[in-house]
Amino acid sequence: MGTEKEIMIAMKVTGLTIDPFTNMPIVILKDREEKTALPIWIGLIEASAIASELEHVQLSRPMTHDLIKNLLKELNAEMIRVEISDLHDNTFFAKIYIKSEGRHIVLDARPSDAIAMALRVGLAIHVSPEVVEKSRRIDLTETVDNDESKRQKWTEVLENLSPEDFGKYKM
């Protein structure tokens, strides 16, 4: 679970918002003191899975993340940790740690799936400080079409996000 020397930052989902330039959903993670924020762009389906859990929506049939949670329970396996472990070429990477019959299993996952699962089992999302630092230097050119004024505006938007900025995400 990370290296012994590496101290991970425990974060929680503080909201979902929409990228004003691409209309893509963004999940916002913040540390417990709400001093560090990490925006992660995700897909619409993944945003729906996260939003339904954040809003405590009970669906008549299990969605994929609920199915996985139920499967783990039936197999006497337990999710014990979720990490956002890397950021490379503007793509975030995550790991899900599972304990089953004395074995420790590490699964590669998309951050949105790892976050949706963490919400369902009540786990914090652990983020490498290196990922937080890399995200501050993320190449926004893809997000804002090489327009410097848009890039500057987007940087201001991210830096000034507060909990009041997040409404309920509508699907």
Protein backbone atom coordinates (compact mmCIF):
# COMPACT_ATOMS: atom_id res chain seq x y z
CA MET A 1 0.00 0.00 0.00
CA GLY A 2 2.28 2.72 -1.21
CA THR A 3 5.83 2.67 0.05
CA GLU A 4 6.50 2.68 3.77
CA LYS A 5 8.22 6.06 3.45
CA GLU A 6 5.40 7.65 1.47
CA ILE A 7 2.74 9.34 3.55
CA MET A 8 -0.58 9.35 1.74
CA ILE A 9 -3.15 12.12 2.11
CA ALA A 10 -6.57 10.88 3.26
CA MET A 11 -9.23 12.62 1.19
CA LYS A 12 -12.99 12.58 0.82
CA VAL A 13 -15.39 13.46 -1.95
CA THR A 14 -16.65 16.98 -1.38
CA GLY A 15 -18.71 17.26 -4.53
CA LEU A 16 -19.28 16.85 -8.20
CA THR A 17 -19.22 19.73 -10.62
CA ILE A 18 -19.11 20.29 -14.36
CA ASP A 19 -16.08 21.52 -16.28
CA PRO A 20 -17.39 24.83 -17.69
CA PHE A 21 -15.31 24.38 -20.86
CA THR A 22 -15.94 20.73 -21.77
CA ASN A 23 -19.17 19.99 -19.87
CA MET A 24 -17.48 16.88 -18.44
CA PRO A 25 -18.07 15.92 -14.81
CA ILE A 26 -15.35 16.51 -12.24
CA VAL A 27 -15.22 14.83 -8.86
CA ILE A 28 -13.56 17.00 -6.22
CA LEU A 29 -11.53 15.38 -3.46
CA LYS A 30 -10.36 17.38 -0.44
CA ASP A 31 -8.25 16.50 2.54
CA ARG A 32 -9.79 16.52 6.03
CA GLU A 33 -8.69 20.11 6.70
CA GLU A 34 -9.99 21.12 3.24
CA LYS A 35 -6.64 22.74 2.46
CA THR A 36 -5.81 20.51 -0.49
CA ALA A 37 -8.20 19.87 -3.38
CA LEU A 38 -7.82 17.38 -6.19
CA PRO A 39 -10.14 17.65 -9.21
CA ILE A 40 -10.47 14.48 -11.31
CA TRP A 41 -12.30 14.54 -14.64
CA ILE A 42 -14.58 11.51 -15.00
CA GLY A 43 -17.19 10.15 -17.35
CA LEU A 44 -20.95 10.69 -17.13
CA ILE A 45 -21.73 7.11 -16.10
CA GLU A 46 -19.09 7.18 -13.37
CA ALA A 47 -20.40 10.55 -12.15
CA SER A 48 -23.86 9.01 -11.93
CA ALA A 49 -22.51 6.12 -9.82
CA ILE A 50 -20.79 8.55 -7.46
CA ALA A 51 -23.75 10.95 -7.33
CA SER A 52 -26.22 8.18 -6.53
CA GLU A 53 -24.11 7.14 -3.54
CA LEU A 54 -23.52 10.73 -2.37
CA GLU A 55 -27.25 11.40 -2.53
CA HIS A 56 -28.15 8.04 -0.91
CA VAL A 57 -30.33 7.06 -3.87
CA GLN A 58 -31.71 3.54 -3.49
CA LEU A 59 -32.19 1.90 -6.87
CA SER A 60 -34.44 -1.10 -7.39
CA ARG A 61 -31.61 -3.16 -8.90
CA PRO A 62 -27.90 -3.17 -8.01
CA MET A 63 -25.63 -1.09 -10.17
CA THR A 64 -22.14 -2.37 -11.04
CA HIS A 65 -20.41 -0.93 -7.96
CA ASP A 66 -23.16 -2.28 -5.70
CA LEU A 67 -22.78 -5.68 -7.35
CA ILE A 68 -19.03 -5.64 -6.69
CA LYS A 69 -19.62 -4.64 -3.06
CA ASN A 70 -22.13 -7.51 -2.67
CA LEU A 71 -19.80 -9.96 -4.38
CA LEU A 72 -16.92 -9.05 -2.06
CA LYS A 73 -19.18 -9.55 0.96
CA GLU A 74 -20.38 -12.97 -0.26
CA LEU A 75 -16.78 -14.05 -0.86
CA ASN A 76 -15.70 -12.90 2.62
CA ALA A 77 -13.40 -10.37 1.01
CA GLU A 78 -12.98 -6.85 2.26
CA MET A 79 -11.90 -3.65 0.56
CA ILE A 80 -9.34 -2.19 2.92
CA ARG A 81 -7.88 0.74 1.04
CA VAL A 82 -8.29 2.91 -2.04
CA GLU A 83 -5.44 4.97 -3.48
CA ILE A 84 -5.13 7.48 -6.26
CA SER A 85 -1.62 6.36 -7.01
CA ASP A 86 -0.37 8.10 -10.12
CA LEU A 87 -0.98 10.79 -12.71
CA HIS A 88 0.63 10.28 -16.08
CA ASP A 89 -0.18 12.03 -19.38
CA ASN A 90 -3.20 13.74 -17.77
CA THR A 91 -4.61 10.33 -16.74
CA PHE A 92 -5.12 9.41 -13.09
CA PHE A 93 -4.48 5.85 -11.88
CA ALA A 94 -5.91 4.15 -8.80
CA LYS A 95 -5.46 0.97 -6.79
CA ILE A 96 -7.99 -0.94 -4.76
CA TYR A 97 -6.63 -3.09 -1.94
CA ILE A 98 -8.63 -6.16 -0.95
CA LYS A 99 -8.08 -8.65 1.86
CA SER A 100 -9.44 -12.14 1.31
CA GLU A 101 -8.68 -15.26 3.33
CA GLY A 102 -5.39 -13.82 4.57
CA ARG A 103 -4.32 -12.74 1.08
CA HIS A 104 -3.81 -9.15 0.06
CA ILE A 105 -4.85 -8.33 -3.48
CA VAL A 106 -4.08 -5.10 -5.32
CA LEU A 107 -6.28 -4.21 -8.29
CA ASP A 108 -5.60 -1.55 -10.90
CA ALA A 109 -8.67 0.67 -11.26
CA ARG A 110 -9.94 3.86 -12.77
CA PRO A 111 -10.12 6.53 -10.06
CA SER A 112 -13.84 7.00 -10.64
CA ASP A 113 -14.51 3.30 -9.98
CA ALA A 114 -12.20 3.28 -6.95
CA ILE A 115 -13.96 6.37 -5.57
CA ALA A 116 -17.43 4.90 -6.19
CA MET A 117 -16.38 1.75 -4.34
CA ALA A 118 -14.76 3.68 -1.47
CA LEU A 119 -18.00 5.61 -0.97
CA ARG A 120 -20.01 2.38 -0.83
CA VAL A 121 -17.82 0.78 1.84
CA GLY A 122 -17.02 3.93 3.81
CA LEU A 123 -13.30 4.25 3.06
CA ALA A 124 -11.21 7.38 2.74
CA ILE A 125 -9.47 7.87 -0.59
CA HIS A 126 -5.72 8.02 -0.11
CA VAL A 127 -3.79 10.19 -2.51
CA SER A 128 -0.08 10.32 -3.05
CA PRO A 129 1.37 13.80 -2.40
CA GLU A 130 3.19 13.36 -5.71
CA VAL A 131 -0.17 13.02 -7.50
CA VAL A 132 -1.43 16.20 -5.85
CA GLU A 133 1.72 18.02 -6.94
CA LYS A 134 1.50 16.63 -10.49
CA SER A 135 -2.16 17.69 -10.71
CA ARG A 136 -1.15 21.28 -10.01
CA ARG A 137 1.02 21.14 -13.11
CA ILE A 138 -1.48 19.25 -15.27
CA ASP A 139 -1.44 20.26 -18.91
CA LEU A 140 -4.71 22.13 -19.28
CA THR A 141 -4.22 22.62 -23.01
CA GLU A 142 -6.42 19.62 -23.79
CA THR A 143 -9.11 20.89 -21.44
CA VAL A 144 -9.20 24.46 -22.69
CA ASP A 145 -8.16 24.20 -26.33
CA ASN A 146 -4.86 26.11 -26.08
CA ASP A 147 -6.59 29.37 -25.15
CA GLU A 148 -4.45 31.17 -22.55
CA SER A 149 -7.33 33.27 -21.17
CA LYS A 150 -9.47 30.14 -20.72
CA ARG A 151 -6.54 28.33 -19.08
CA GLN A 152 -6.05 31.23 -16.66
CA LYS A 153 -9.78 31.39 -15.92
CA TRP A 154 -9.90 27.63 -15.30
CA THR A 155 -6.96 27.88 -12.88
CA GLU A 156 -8.87 30.58 -10.98
CA VAL A 157 -12.03 28.44 -10.92
CA LEU A 158 -10.16 25.47 -9.41
CA GLU A 159 -8.28 27.55 -6.87
CA ASN A 160 -11.44 29.24 -5.59
CA LEU A 161 -13.78 26.24 -5.28
CA SER A 162 -15.61 26.00 -1.98
CA PRO A 163 -18.22 23.53 -0.69
CA GLU A 164 -20.99 26.02 -1.50
CA ASP A 165 -20.03 25.80 -5.17
CA PHE A 166 -21.26 22.23 -5.43
CA GLY A 167 -24.88 21.65 -6.25
CA LYS A 168 -26.39 18.25 -6.65
CA TYR A 169 -25.24 16.65 -9.85
CA LYS A 170 -28.22 16.00 -12.10
CA MET A 171 -28.14 13.12 -14.55
